[in-house]
Amino acid sequence: MTEPRLIVEVRWGKLAGTKAAIPPGGSLVVGRTDLSDLVVPHDTELSGSHFELSWSEGVCALRDLESLSGTKVGGEAVREAQVPHGGWIHAGETDFMVYVEGRTPPKKKELDAAEAAGERARLDAAHEALKFLRQKAEEAPLYAVVDGARDNRILAVLREHLERQQSLYDGLQGEVIEDIAPYLVGPMLPDSGLLERLAMEGWGKRWGIWCTSDEKFVEVRRHWRRFLMVDLEESGERVYFRFYDPGVLRVFWGTCDTAQLTALSEDLTGLFVESKEGAVVALPLVQGAGDA
């Protein structure tokens, strides 16, 4: 069995969601300049090489590199320390989190006969969806928008894989609803372990929607952020729009006019949701805004 890597994530600020991986027996230097492996250039409180993490035999060890402002682990100033899975590091004005790749196993529960049959059908559909999504990932960068509120398993899965993920909400609001926010994830390659986990665990459970785009992560996130709030036609009331629920988006798509479809299709080359029966539905994009 392949040993897991250690994943280091920048939590807030301009580089929020940026990740780096440390292989077993490896190390990573974090700091403000190119002398470091993980560089946070905008944080003027970071030293050029601020701290080092090493990953060996399941232990993450931190060493402060005689930084000017010091390093904290779990809120406590340290020179050397072990950092646990899910551990919090503060250096300069930047927060980092540390996770062991794939650490949290899928949930297991006892199923009765009917539930077991339903789960087998869901897994069959998930296998087909995974093959489809892998093919799409070969054709163009593949992203997902997942609903952190759907299952508390989701955020653990995202954090324990190397692909970038970031809440669609910014600032204080993003911090307050961190555990239940929608997240953009990607891009995912065809052999991505995260792609497999999201498809096999979440397909048929309305975990989220999938899209392809040739745009960079920041632009895809900007695109989807535009639809977090919408105005109701009759009352003009501004409400949250859960477009990342595949059931909602699938129905909404059929009610849209050309202008709405153009806006939703912009910057995308493909958009995919699950049907009630678990089949893959490719929503038709407007010509000129993306590939139909």
C-alpha atoms as a PDB file:
ATOM      1  CA  MET A   1       0.000   0.000   0.000  1.00  0.00           C
ATOM      2  CA  THR A   2       1.371   3.404  -1.016  1.00  0.00           C
ATOM      3  CA  GLU A   3       2.237   5.650   1.898  1.00  0.00           C
ATOM      4  CA  PRO A   4       0.145   8.839   2.006  1.00  0.00           C
ATOM      5  CA  ARG A   5       1.586  12.260   1.415  1.00  0.00           C
ATOM      6  CA  LEU A   6       1.237  15.190   3.777  1.00  0.00           C
ATOM      7  CA  ILE A   7      -0.871  18.052   2.422  1.00  0.00           C
ATOM      8  CA  VAL A   8      -0.174  21.641   3.473  1.00  0.00           C
ATOM      9  CA  GLU A   9      -2.946  24.150   2.700  1.00  0.00           C
ATOM     10  CA  VAL A  10      -2.988  27.941   2.808  1.00  0.00           C
ATOM     11  CA  ARG A  11      -6.277  28.742   4.502  1.00  0.00           C
ATOM     12  CA  TRP A  12      -6.988  32.467   4.068  1.00  0.00           C
ATOM     13  CA  GLY A  13      -5.915  35.440   1.975  1.00  0.00           C
ATOM     14  CA  LYS A  14      -4.898  35.771  -1.667  1.00  0.00           C
ATOM     15  CA  LEU A  15      -3.588  32.214  -1.890  1.00  0.00           C
ATOM     16  CA  ALA A  16      -6.461  30.560   0.009  1.00  0.00           C
ATOM     17  CA  GLY A  17      -6.885  26.996  -1.146  1.00  0.00           C
ATOM     18  CA  THR A  18      -3.326  26.688  -2.465  1.00  0.00           C
ATOM     19  CA  LYS A  19      -1.807  23.346  -1.494  1.00  0.00           C
ATOM     20  CA  ALA A  20       1.540  21.592  -1.496  1.00  0.00           C
ATOM     21  CA  ALA A  21       2.324  17.932  -0.895  1.00  0.00           C
ATOM     22  CA  ILE A  22       5.220  16.384   1.021  1.00  0.00           C
ATOM     23  CA  PRO A  23       6.083  12.801   0.044  1.00  0.00           C
ATOM     24  CA  PRO A  24       7.049  10.268   2.712  1.00  0.00           C
ATOM     25  CA  GLY A  25      10.566  11.062   3.866  1.00  0.00           C
ATOM     26  CA  GLY A  26      10.391  14.551   2.365  1.00  0.00           C
ATOM     27  CA  SER A  27      10.321  18.096   3.645  1.00  0.00           C
ATOM     28  CA  LEU A  28       8.914  21.491   2.688  1.00  0.00           C
ATOM     29  CA  VAL A  29      10.106  25.017   3.494  1.00  0.00           C
ATOM     30  CA  VAL A  30       7.455  27.748   3.778  1.00  0.00           C
ATOM     31  CA  GLY A  31       8.263  31.445   3.479  1.00  0.00           C
ATOM     32  CA  ARG A  32       7.982  34.715   1.593  1.00  0.00           C
ATOM     33  CA  THR A  33      10.704  34.338  -1.049  1.00  0.00           C
ATOM     34  CA  ASP A  34      11.850  31.874  -3.671  1.00  0.00           C
ATOM     35  CA  LEU A  35      14.243  30.448  -1.111  1.00  0.00           C
ATOM     36  CA  SER A  36      11.166  28.505   0.052  1.00  0.00           C
ATOM     37  CA  ASP A  37       9.206  25.667  -1.557  1.00  0.00           C
ATOM     38  CA  LEU A  38       5.761  27.049  -0.671  1.00  0.00           C
ATOM     39  CA  VAL A  39       5.955  30.795  -1.257  1.00  0.00           C
ATOM     40  CA  VAL A  40       3.499  33.350   0.166  1.00  0.00           C
ATOM     41  CA  PRO A  41       4.981  36.521  -1.345  1.00  0.00           C
ATOM     42  CA  HIS A  42       2.358  39.036  -0.202  1.00  0.00           C
ATOM     43  CA  ASP A  43       2.801  38.290   3.535  1.00  0.00           C
ATOM     44  CA  THR A  44       5.442  40.817   4.579  1.00  0.00           C
ATOM     45  CA  GLU A  45       5.482  39.381   8.120  1.00  0.00           C
ATOM     46  CA  LEU A  46       6.852  36.069   6.878  1.00  0.00           C
ATOM     47  CA  SER A  47      10.589  35.550   6.775  1.00  0.00           C
ATOM     48  CA  GLY A  48      12.153  34.532   3.469  1.00  0.00           C
ATOM     49  CA  SER A  49      12.367  30.959   4.790  1.00  0.00           C
ATOM     50  CA  HIS A  50      10.062  30.891   7.804  1.00  0.00           C
ATOM     51  CA  PHE A  51       9.500  27.275   8.863  1.00  0.00           C
ATOM     52  CA  GLU A  52      10.136  23.748   7.631  1.00  0.00           C
ATOM     53  CA  LEU A  53       7.876  20.708   7.737  1.00  0.00           C
ATOM     54  CA  SER A  54       9.158  17.173   7.441  1.00  0.00           C
ATOM     55  CA  TRP A  55       7.030  14.041   6.945  1.00  0.00           C
ATOM     56  CA  SER A  56       8.399  10.667   7.971  1.00  0.00           C
ATOM     57  CA  GLU A  57       6.828   7.458   9.309  1.00  0.00           C
ATOM     58  CA  GLY A  58       3.486   9.144   9.855  1.00  0.00           C
ATOM     59  CA  VAL A  59       4.899  12.050  11.873  1.00  0.00           C
ATOM     60  CA  CYS A  60       4.785  15.696  10.766  1.00  0.00           C
ATOM     61  CA  ALA A  61       7.582  17.675  12.440  1.00  0.00           C
ATOM     62  CA  LEU A  62       7.813  21.472  12.302  1.00  0.00           C
ATOM     63  CA  ARG A  63      10.977  23.480  12.774  1.00  0.00           C
ATOM     64  CA  ASP A  64      10.982  27.282  12.941  1.00  0.00           C
ATOM     65  CA  LEU A  65      13.879  28.579  10.825  1.00  0.00           C
ATOM     66  CA  GLU A  66      14.843  31.400  13.208  1.00  0.00           C
ATOM     67  CA  SER A  67      12.065  33.544  11.788  1.00  0.00           C
ATOM     68  CA  LEU A  68      11.652  37.119  13.002  1.00  0.00           C
ATOM     69  CA  SER A  69       7.978  36.845  13.989  1.00  0.00           C
ATOM     70  CA  GLY A  70       7.925  33.223  15.125  1.00  0.00           C
ATOM     71  CA  THR A  71       5.650  30.280  14.367  1.00  0.00           C
ATOM     72  CA  LYS A  72       2.600  29.010  16.236  1.00  0.00           C
ATOM     73  CA  VAL A  73       1.105  25.523  16.232  1.00  0.00           C
ATOM     74  CA  GLY A  74      -2.418  25.314  17.601  1.00  0.00           C
ATOM     75  CA  GLY A  75      -2.031  28.894  18.872  1.00  0.00           C
ATOM     76  CA  GLU A  76       1.145  28.186  20.856  1.00  0.00           C
ATOM     77  CA  ALA A  77       4.519  29.685  19.896  1.00  0.00           C
ATOM     78  CA  VAL A  78       7.053  26.939  19.120  1.00  0.00           C
ATOM     79  CA  ARG A  79      10.541  26.409  17.776  1.00  0.00           C
ATOM     80  CA  GLU A  80       9.975  22.720  17.132  1.00  0.00           C
ATOM     81  CA  ALA A  81       6.759  20.715  17.360  1.00  0.00           C
ATOM     82  CA  GLN A  82       4.820  17.797  15.970  1.00  0.00           C
ATOM     83  CA  VAL A  83       1.770  18.839  13.958  1.00  0.00           C
ATOM     84  CA  PRO A  84      -1.216  16.450  13.987  1.00  0.00           C
ATOM     85  CA  HIS A  85      -3.611  15.690  11.150  1.00  0.00           C
ATOM     86  CA  GLY A  86      -5.870  18.749  10.922  1.00  0.00           C
ATOM     87  CA  GLY A  87      -3.276  20.828  12.779  1.00  0.00           C
ATOM     88  CA  TRP A  88      -3.234  24.627  12.501  1.00  0.00           C
ATOM     89  CA  ILE A  89      -0.036  26.597  11.877  1.00  0.00           C
ATOM     90  CA  HIS A  90       0.171  30.389  12.054  1.00  0.00           C
ATOM     91  CA  ALA A  91       3.203  32.182  10.629  1.00  0.00           C
ATOM     92  CA  GLY A  92       3.474  35.854   9.737  1.00  0.00           C
ATOM     93  CA  GLU A  93      -0.113  36.819   8.920  1.00  0.00           C
ATOM     94  CA  THR A  94      -0.960  33.521   7.209  1.00  0.00           C
ATOM     95  CA  ASP A  95      -2.749  30.413   8.480  1.00  0.00           C
ATOM     96  CA  PHE A  96      -1.885  26.942   7.239  1.00  0.00           C
ATOM     97  CA  MET A  97      -3.540  23.574   7.841  1.00  0.00           C
ATOM     98  CA  VAL A  98      -1.917  20.160   7.620  1.00  0.00           C
ATOM     99  CA  TYR A  99      -3.696  16.969   6.531  1.00  0.00           C
ATOM    100  CA  VAL A 100      -2.687  13.388   5.827  1.00  0.00           C
ATOM    101  CA  GLU A 101      -3.774  12.457   2.312  1.00  0.00           C
ATOM    102  CA  GLY A 102      -6.896  10.273   2.299  1.00  0.00           C
ATOM    103  CA  ARG A 103      -6.817   9.917   6.096  1.00  0.00           C
ATOM    104  CA  THR A 104     -10.564   9.756   6.811  1.00  0.00           C
ATOM    105  CA  PRO A 105     -12.183   6.529   5.520  1.00  0.00           C
ATOM    106  CA  PRO A 106     -15.680   6.456   4.019  1.00  0.00           C
ATOM    107  CA  LYS A 107     -18.566   6.021   6.398  1.00  0.00           C
ATOM    108  CA  LYS A 108     -19.890   2.512   6.933  1.00  0.00           C
ATOM    109  CA  LYS A 109     -23.341   1.649   8.192  1.00  0.00           C
ATOM    110  CA  GLU A 110     -25.565  -1.390   8.381  1.00  0.00           C
ATOM    111  CA  LEU A 111     -28.081  -1.588   5.544  1.00  0.00           C
ATOM    112  CA  ASP A 112     -31.248  -3.605   5.313  1.00  0.00           C
ATOM    113  CA  ALA A 113     -32.009  -5.562   2.140  1.00  0.00           C
ATOM    114  CA  ALA A 114     -33.817  -2.711   0.393  1.00  0.00           C
ATOM    115  CA  GLU A 115     -31.139  -0.196   1.323  1.00  0.00           C
ATOM    116  CA  ALA A 116     -28.389  -2.554   0.164  1.00  0.00           C
ATOM    117  CA  ALA A 117     -30.096  -2.984  -3.209  1.00  0.00           C
ATOM    118  CA  GLY A 118     -30.434   0.779  -3.545  1.00  0.00           C
ATOM    119  CA  GLU A 119     -26.765   1.272  -2.690  1.00  0.00           C
ATOM    120  CA  ARG A 120     -25.689  -1.309  -5.277  1.00  0.00           C
ATOM    121  CA  ALA A 121     -27.724   0.537  -7.907  1.00  0.00           C
ATOM    122  CA  ARG A 122     -26.190   3.850  -6.838  1.00  0.00           C
ATOM    123  CA  LEU A 123     -22.674   2.437  -7.038  1.00  0.00           C
ATOM    124  CA  ASP A 124     -23.344   1.046 -10.516  1.00  0.00           C
ATOM    125  CA  ALA A 125     -24.465   4.505 -11.610  1.00  0.00           C
ATOM    126  CA  ALA A 126     -21.469   6.075  -9.879  1.00  0.00           C
ATOM    127  CA  HIS A 127     -19.076   3.775 -11.778  1.00  0.00           C
ATOM    128  CA  GLU A 128     -20.614   4.884 -15.067  1.00  0.00           C
ATOM    129  CA  ALA A 129     -20.468   8.533 -14.011  1.00  0.00           C
ATOM    130  CA  LEU A 130     -16.828   8.153 -13.007  1.00  0.00           C
ATOM    131  CA  LYS A 131     -15.913   6.762 -16.435  1.00  0.00           C
ATOM    132  CA  PHE A 132     -17.754   9.651 -18.088  1.00  0.00           C
ATOM    133  CA  LEU A 133     -16.101  12.292 -15.891  1.00  0.00           C
ATOM    134  CA  ARG A 134     -12.648  10.796 -16.428  1.00  0.00           C
ATOM    135  CA  GLN A 135     -13.201  11.088 -20.167  1.00  0.00           C
ATOM    136  CA  LYS A 136     -14.243  14.720 -19.772  1.00  0.00           C
ATOM    137  CA  ALA A 137     -11.153  15.378 -17.641  1.00  0.00           C
ATOM    138  CA  GLU A 138      -9.010  14.143 -20.545  1.00  0.00           C
ATOM    139  CA  GLU A 139     -10.680  16.632 -22.869  1.00  0.00           C
ATOM    140  CA  ALA A 140     -10.613  19.771 -20.681  1.00  0.00           C
ATOM    141  CA  PRO A 141      -9.905  20.860 -17.088  1.00  0.00           C
ATOM    142  CA  LEU A 142     -12.611  19.353 -14.870  1.00  0.00           C
ATOM    143  CA  TYR A 143     -14.083  21.144 -11.847  1.00  0.00           C
ATOM    144  CA  ALA A 144     -16.827  20.416  -9.343  1.00  0.00           C
ATOM    145  CA  VAL A 145     -18.955  22.716  -7.198  1.00  0.00           C
ATOM    146  CA  VAL A 146     -19.842  20.708  -4.100  1.00  0.00           C
ATOM    147  CA  ASP A 147     -22.241  21.438  -1.267  1.00  0.00           C
ATOM    148  CA  GLY A 148     -20.457  21.302   2.083  1.00  0.00           C
ATOM    149  CA  ALA A 149     -23.828  21.272   3.844  1.00  0.00           C
ATOM    150  CA  ARG A 150     -24.944  18.039   2.189  1.00  0.00           C
ATOM    151  CA  ASP A 151     -22.674  15.758   4.253  1.00  0.00           C
ATOM    152  CA  ASN A 152     -19.959  16.507   6.794  1.00  0.00           C
ATOM    153  CA  ARG A 153     -17.842  13.908   5.003  1.00  0.00           C
ATOM    154  CA  ILE A 154     -17.432  16.251   2.021  1.00  0.00           C
ATOM    155  CA  LEU A 155     -15.095  18.800   3.556  1.00  0.00           C
ATOM    156  CA  ALA A 156     -12.848  16.053   4.942  1.00  0.00           C
ATOM    157  CA  VAL A 157     -12.577  14.518   1.482  1.00  0.00           C
ATOM    158  CA  LEU A 158     -11.671  17.873  -0.081  1.00  0.00           C
ATOM    159  CA  ARG A 159      -9.067  18.768   2.502  1.00  0.00           C
ATOM    160  CA  GLU A 160      -7.359  15.375   2.338  1.00  0.00           C
ATOM    161  CA  HIS A 161      -6.589  15.620  -1.381  1.00  0.00           C
ATOM    162  CA  LEU A 162      -4.155  17.816  -3.250  1.00  0.00           C
ATOM    163  CA  GLU A 163      -6.534  19.573  -5.639  1.00  0.00           C
ATOM    164  CA  ARG A 164      -7.367  23.149  -4.783  1.00  0.00           C
ATOM    165  CA  GLN A 165     -10.696  23.885  -3.145  1.00  0.00           C
ATOM    166  CA  GLN A 166     -12.121  27.223  -2.044  1.00  0.00           C
ATOM    167  CA  SER A 167     -15.443  28.370  -0.663  1.00  0.00           C
ATOM    168  CA  LEU A 168     -17.546  30.466  -3.006  1.00  0.00           C
ATOM    169  CA  TYR A 169     -18.050  32.869  -0.099  1.00  0.00           C
ATOM    170  CA  ASP A 170     -15.415  35.429   0.869  1.00  0.00           C
ATOM    171  CA  GLY A 171     -14.357  37.202   4.047  1.00  0.00           C
ATOM    172  CA  LEU A 172     -16.152  36.886   7.379  1.00  0.00           C
ATOM    173  CA  GLN A 173     -19.178  35.229   5.789  1.00  0.00           C
ATOM    174  CA  GLY A 174     -16.906  32.577   4.333  1.00  0.00           C
ATOM    175  CA  GLU A 175     -15.363  31.909   7.747  1.00  0.00           C
ATOM    176  CA  VAL A 176     -18.701  31.730   9.569  1.00  0.00           C
ATOM    177  CA  ILE A 177     -20.264  29.199   7.189  1.00  0.00           C
ATOM    178  CA  GLU A 178     -17.056  27.358   6.328  1.00  0.00           C
ATOM    179  CA  ASP A 179     -18.482  23.926   7.199  1.00  0.00           C
ATOM    180  CA  ILE A 180     -21.640  24.310   5.100  1.00  0.00           C
ATOM    181  CA  ALA A 181     -20.489  26.481   2.200  1.00  0.00           C
ATOM    182  CA  PRO A 182     -20.367  25.505  -1.479  1.00  0.00           C
ATOM    183  CA  TYR A 183     -16.796  24.837  -2.660  1.00  0.00           C
ATOM    184  CA  LEU A 184     -15.188  24.993  -6.068  1.00  0.00           C
ATOM    185  CA  VAL A 185     -12.775  22.087  -6.510  1.00  0.00           C
ATOM    186  CA  GLY A 186     -10.233  21.398  -9.217  1.00  0.00           C
ATOM    187  CA  PRO A 187      -8.984  21.064 -11.763  1.00  0.00           C
ATOM    188  CA  MET A 188      -9.010  17.273 -11.508  1.00  0.00           C
ATOM    189  CA  LEU A 189      -7.008  14.967 -13.769  1.00  0.00           C
ATOM    190  CA  PRO A 190      -8.489  11.688 -15.049  1.00  0.00           C
ATOM    191  CA  ASP A 191      -6.561   9.637 -12.464  1.00  0.00           C
ATOM    192  CA  SER A 192      -7.393  11.984  -9.578  1.00  0.00           C
ATOM    193  CA  GLY A 193      -8.131  10.217  -6.310  1.00  0.00           C
ATOM    194  CA  LEU A 194     -10.419  13.105  -5.387  1.00  0.00           C
ATOM    195  CA  LEU A 195     -12.420  12.669  -8.580  1.00  0.00           C
ATOM    196  CA  GLU A 196     -12.901   9.003  -7.724  1.00  0.00           C
ATOM    197  CA  ARG A 197     -13.911   9.724  -4.118  1.00  0.00           C
ATOM    198  CA  LEU A 198     -16.421  12.441  -5.035  1.00  0.00           C
ATOM    199  CA  ALA A 199     -17.976  10.308  -7.759  1.00  0.00           C
ATOM    200  CA  MET A 200     -18.123   7.010  -5.883  1.00  0.00           C
ATOM    201  CA  GLU A 201     -19.265   8.455  -2.563  1.00  0.00           C
ATOM    202  CA  GLY A 202     -21.373  11.385  -3.728  1.00  0.00           C
ATOM    203  CA  TRP A 203     -22.986  10.464  -7.043  1.00  0.00           C
ATOM    204  CA  GLY A 204     -26.694   9.981  -6.531  1.00  0.00           C
ATOM    205  CA  LYS A 205     -26.589  11.882  -3.230  1.00  0.00           C
ATOM    206  CA  ARG A 206     -26.712  15.396  -4.739  1.00  0.00           C
ATOM    207  CA  TRP A 207     -23.251  16.325  -3.511  1.00  0.00           C
ATOM    208  CA  GLY A 208     -22.730  18.820  -6.314  1.00  0.00           C
ATOM    209  CA  ILE A 209     -22.384  19.640 -10.000  1.00  0.00           C
ATOM    210  CA  TRP A 210     -19.503  19.210 -12.476  1.00  0.00           C
ATOM    211  CA  CYS A 211     -18.163  21.421 -15.217  1.00  0.00           C
ATOM    212  CA  THR A 212     -15.269  21.760 -17.630  1.00  0.00           C
ATOM    213  CA  SER A 213     -13.597  25.048 -18.451  1.00  0.00           C
ATOM    214  CA  ASP A 214     -10.416  26.263 -20.108  1.00  0.00           C
ATOM    215  CA  GLU A 215     -10.325  29.176 -17.663  1.00  0.00           C
ATOM    216  CA  LYS A 216      -8.115  29.268 -14.577  1.00  0.00           C
ATOM    217  CA  PHE A 217      -9.453  28.346 -11.145  1.00  0.00           C
ATOM    218  CA  VAL A 218      -9.928  31.986 -10.102  1.00  0.00           C
ATOM    219  CA  GLU A 219     -12.046  32.714 -13.176  1.00  0.00           C
ATOM    220  CA  VAL A 220     -14.230  29.626 -12.757  1.00  0.00           C
ATOM    221  CA  ARG A 221     -14.784  30.609  -9.124  1.00  0.00           C
ATOM    222  CA  ARG A 222     -15.667  34.158 -10.170  1.00  0.00           C
ATOM    223  CA  HIS A 223     -18.155  32.760 -12.681  1.00  0.00           C
ATOM    224  CA  TRP A 224     -20.043  30.662 -10.113  1.00  0.00           C
ATOM    225  CA  ARG A 225     -19.964  33.353  -7.426  1.00  0.00           C
ATOM    226  CA  ARG A 226     -22.176  35.487  -9.664  1.00  0.00           C
ATOM    227  CA  PHE A 227     -25.112  33.131  -9.055  1.00  0.00           C
ATOM    228  CA  LEU A 228     -24.991  32.744  -5.288  1.00  0.00           C
ATOM    229  CA  MET A 229     -27.806  35.295  -4.916  1.00  0.00           C
ATOM    230  CA  VAL A 230     -30.727  35.910  -7.277  1.00  0.00           C
ATOM    231  CA  ASP A 231     -33.745  38.231  -7.358  1.00  0.00           C
ATOM    232  CA  LEU A 232     -37.199  36.629  -7.410  1.00  0.00           C
ATOM    233  CA  GLU A 233     -39.164  37.902 -10.402  1.00  0.00           C
ATOM    234  CA  GLU A 234     -42.486  38.441  -8.630  1.00  0.00           C
ATOM    235  CA  SER A 235     -41.356  40.013  -5.358  1.00  0.00           C
ATOM    236  CA  GLY A 236     -37.878  41.257  -6.215  1.00  0.00           C
ATOM    237  CA  GLU A 237     -36.680  39.582  -3.015  1.00  0.00           C
ATOM    238  CA  ARG A 238     -32.994  38.651  -3.041  1.00  0.00           C
ATOM    239  CA  VAL A 239     -32.468  35.016  -2.038  1.00  0.00           C
ATOM    240  CA  TYR A 240     -29.745  32.393  -1.949  1.00  0.00           C
ATOM    241  CA  PHE A 241     -29.654  30.221  -5.064  1.00  0.00           C
ATOM    242  CA  ARG A 242     -28.514  26.647  -4.511  1.00  0.00           C
ATOM    243  CA  PHE A 243     -27.501  26.142  -8.132  1.00  0.00           C
ATOM    244  CA  TYR A 244     -24.901  23.594  -6.994  1.00  0.00           C
ATOM    245  CA  ASP A 245     -27.701  21.172  -6.048  1.00  0.00           C
ATOM    246  CA  PRO A 246     -27.976  19.054  -9.219  1.00  0.00           C
ATOM    247  CA  GLY A 247     -31.707  18.633  -8.720  1.00  0.00           C
ATOM    248  CA  VAL A 248     -32.194  22.389  -8.533  1.00  0.00           C
ATOM    249  CA  LEU A 249     -29.964  23.209 -11.508  1.00  0.00           C
ATOM    250  CA  ARG A 250     -31.447  20.478 -13.680  1.00  0.00           C
ATOM    251  CA  VAL A 251     -34.967  21.849 -13.226  1.00  0.00           C
ATOM    252  CA  PHE A 252     -33.913  25.504 -13.368  1.00  0.00           C
ATOM    253  CA  TRP A 253     -32.068  24.998 -16.645  1.00  0.00           C
ATOM    254  CA  GLY A 254     -35.290  24.113 -18.413  1.00  0.00           C
ATOM    255  CA  THR A 255     -36.955  27.355 -17.280  1.00  0.00           C
ATOM    256  CA  CYS A 256     -34.173  29.738 -18.344  1.00  0.00           C
ATOM    257  CA  ASP A 257     -34.421  32.226 -21.179  1.00  0.00           C
ATOM    258  CA  THR A 258     -31.567  32.761 -23.640  1.00  0.00           C
ATOM    259  CA  ALA A 259     -29.987  35.566 -21.626  1.00  0.00           C
ATOM    260  CA  GLN A 260     -29.932  33.464 -18.475  1.00  0.00           C
ATOM    261  CA  LEU A 261     -28.497  30.469 -20.302  1.00  0.00           C
ATOM    262  CA  THR A 262     -25.828  32.660 -21.868  1.00  0.00           C
ATOM    263  CA  ALA A 263     -24.788  33.979 -18.460  1.00  0.00           C
ATOM    264  CA  LEU A 264     -24.722  30.496 -16.909  1.00  0.00           C
ATOM    265  CA  SER A 265     -22.810  29.032 -19.854  1.00  0.00           C
ATOM    266  CA  GLU A 266     -20.150  31.718 -20.010  1.00  0.00           C
ATOM    267  CA  ASP A 267     -16.580  30.469 -19.469  1.00  0.00           C
ATOM    268  CA  LEU A 268     -17.719  26.818 -19.463  1.00  0.00           C
ATOM    269  CA  THR A 269     -17.138  24.097 -22.055  1.00  0.00           C
ATOM    270  CA  GLY A 270     -19.358  21.530 -20.336  1.00  0.00           C
ATOM    271  CA  LEU A 271     -21.821  21.248 -17.457  1.00  0.00           C
ATOM    272  CA  PHE A 272     -22.937  17.921 -15.965  1.00  0.00           C
ATOM    273  CA  VAL A 273     -25.424  16.859 -13.292  1.00  0.00           C
ATOM    274  CA  GLU A 274     -26.986  13.624 -12.094  1.00  0.00           C
ATOM    275  CA  SER A 275     -30.559  12.699 -12.997  1.00  0.00           C
ATOM    276  CA  LYS A 276     -33.044  11.351 -10.456  1.00  0.00           C
ATOM    277  CA  GLU A 277     -32.139   7.865 -11.661  1.00  0.00           C
ATOM    278  CA  GLY A 278     -28.389   8.506 -11.430  1.00  0.00           C
ATOM    279  CA  ALA A 279     -27.628   8.943 -15.107  1.00  0.00           C
ATOM    280  CA  VAL A 280     -25.276  11.691 -16.286  1.00  0.00           C
ATOM    281  CA  VAL A 281     -27.090  14.683 -17.760  1.00  0.00           C
ATOM    282  CA  ALA A 282     -25.048  17.061 -19.913  1.00  0.00           C
ATOM    283  CA  LEU A 283     -26.857  20.397 -19.766  1.00  0.00           C
ATOM    284  CA  PRO A 284     -26.881  22.118 -23.182  1.00  0.00           C
ATOM    285  CA  LEU A 285     -24.740  25.266 -23.157  1.00  0.00           C
ATOM    286  CA  VAL A 286     -25.630  28.240 -25.320  1.00  0.00           C
ATOM    287  CA  GLN A 287     -23.683  28.366 -28.552  1.00  0.00           C
ATOM    288  CA  GLY A 288     -21.126  31.135 -28.406  1.00  0.00           C
ATOM    289  CA  ALA A 289     -20.859  30.994 -24.603  1.00  0.00           C
ATOM    290  CA  GLY A 290     -19.423  27.495 -24.515  1.00  0.00           C
ATOM    291  CA  ASP A 291     -19.484  24.232 -26.415  1.00  0.00           C
ATOM    292  CA  ALA A 292     -22.943  22.744 -26.798  1.00  0.00           C
END
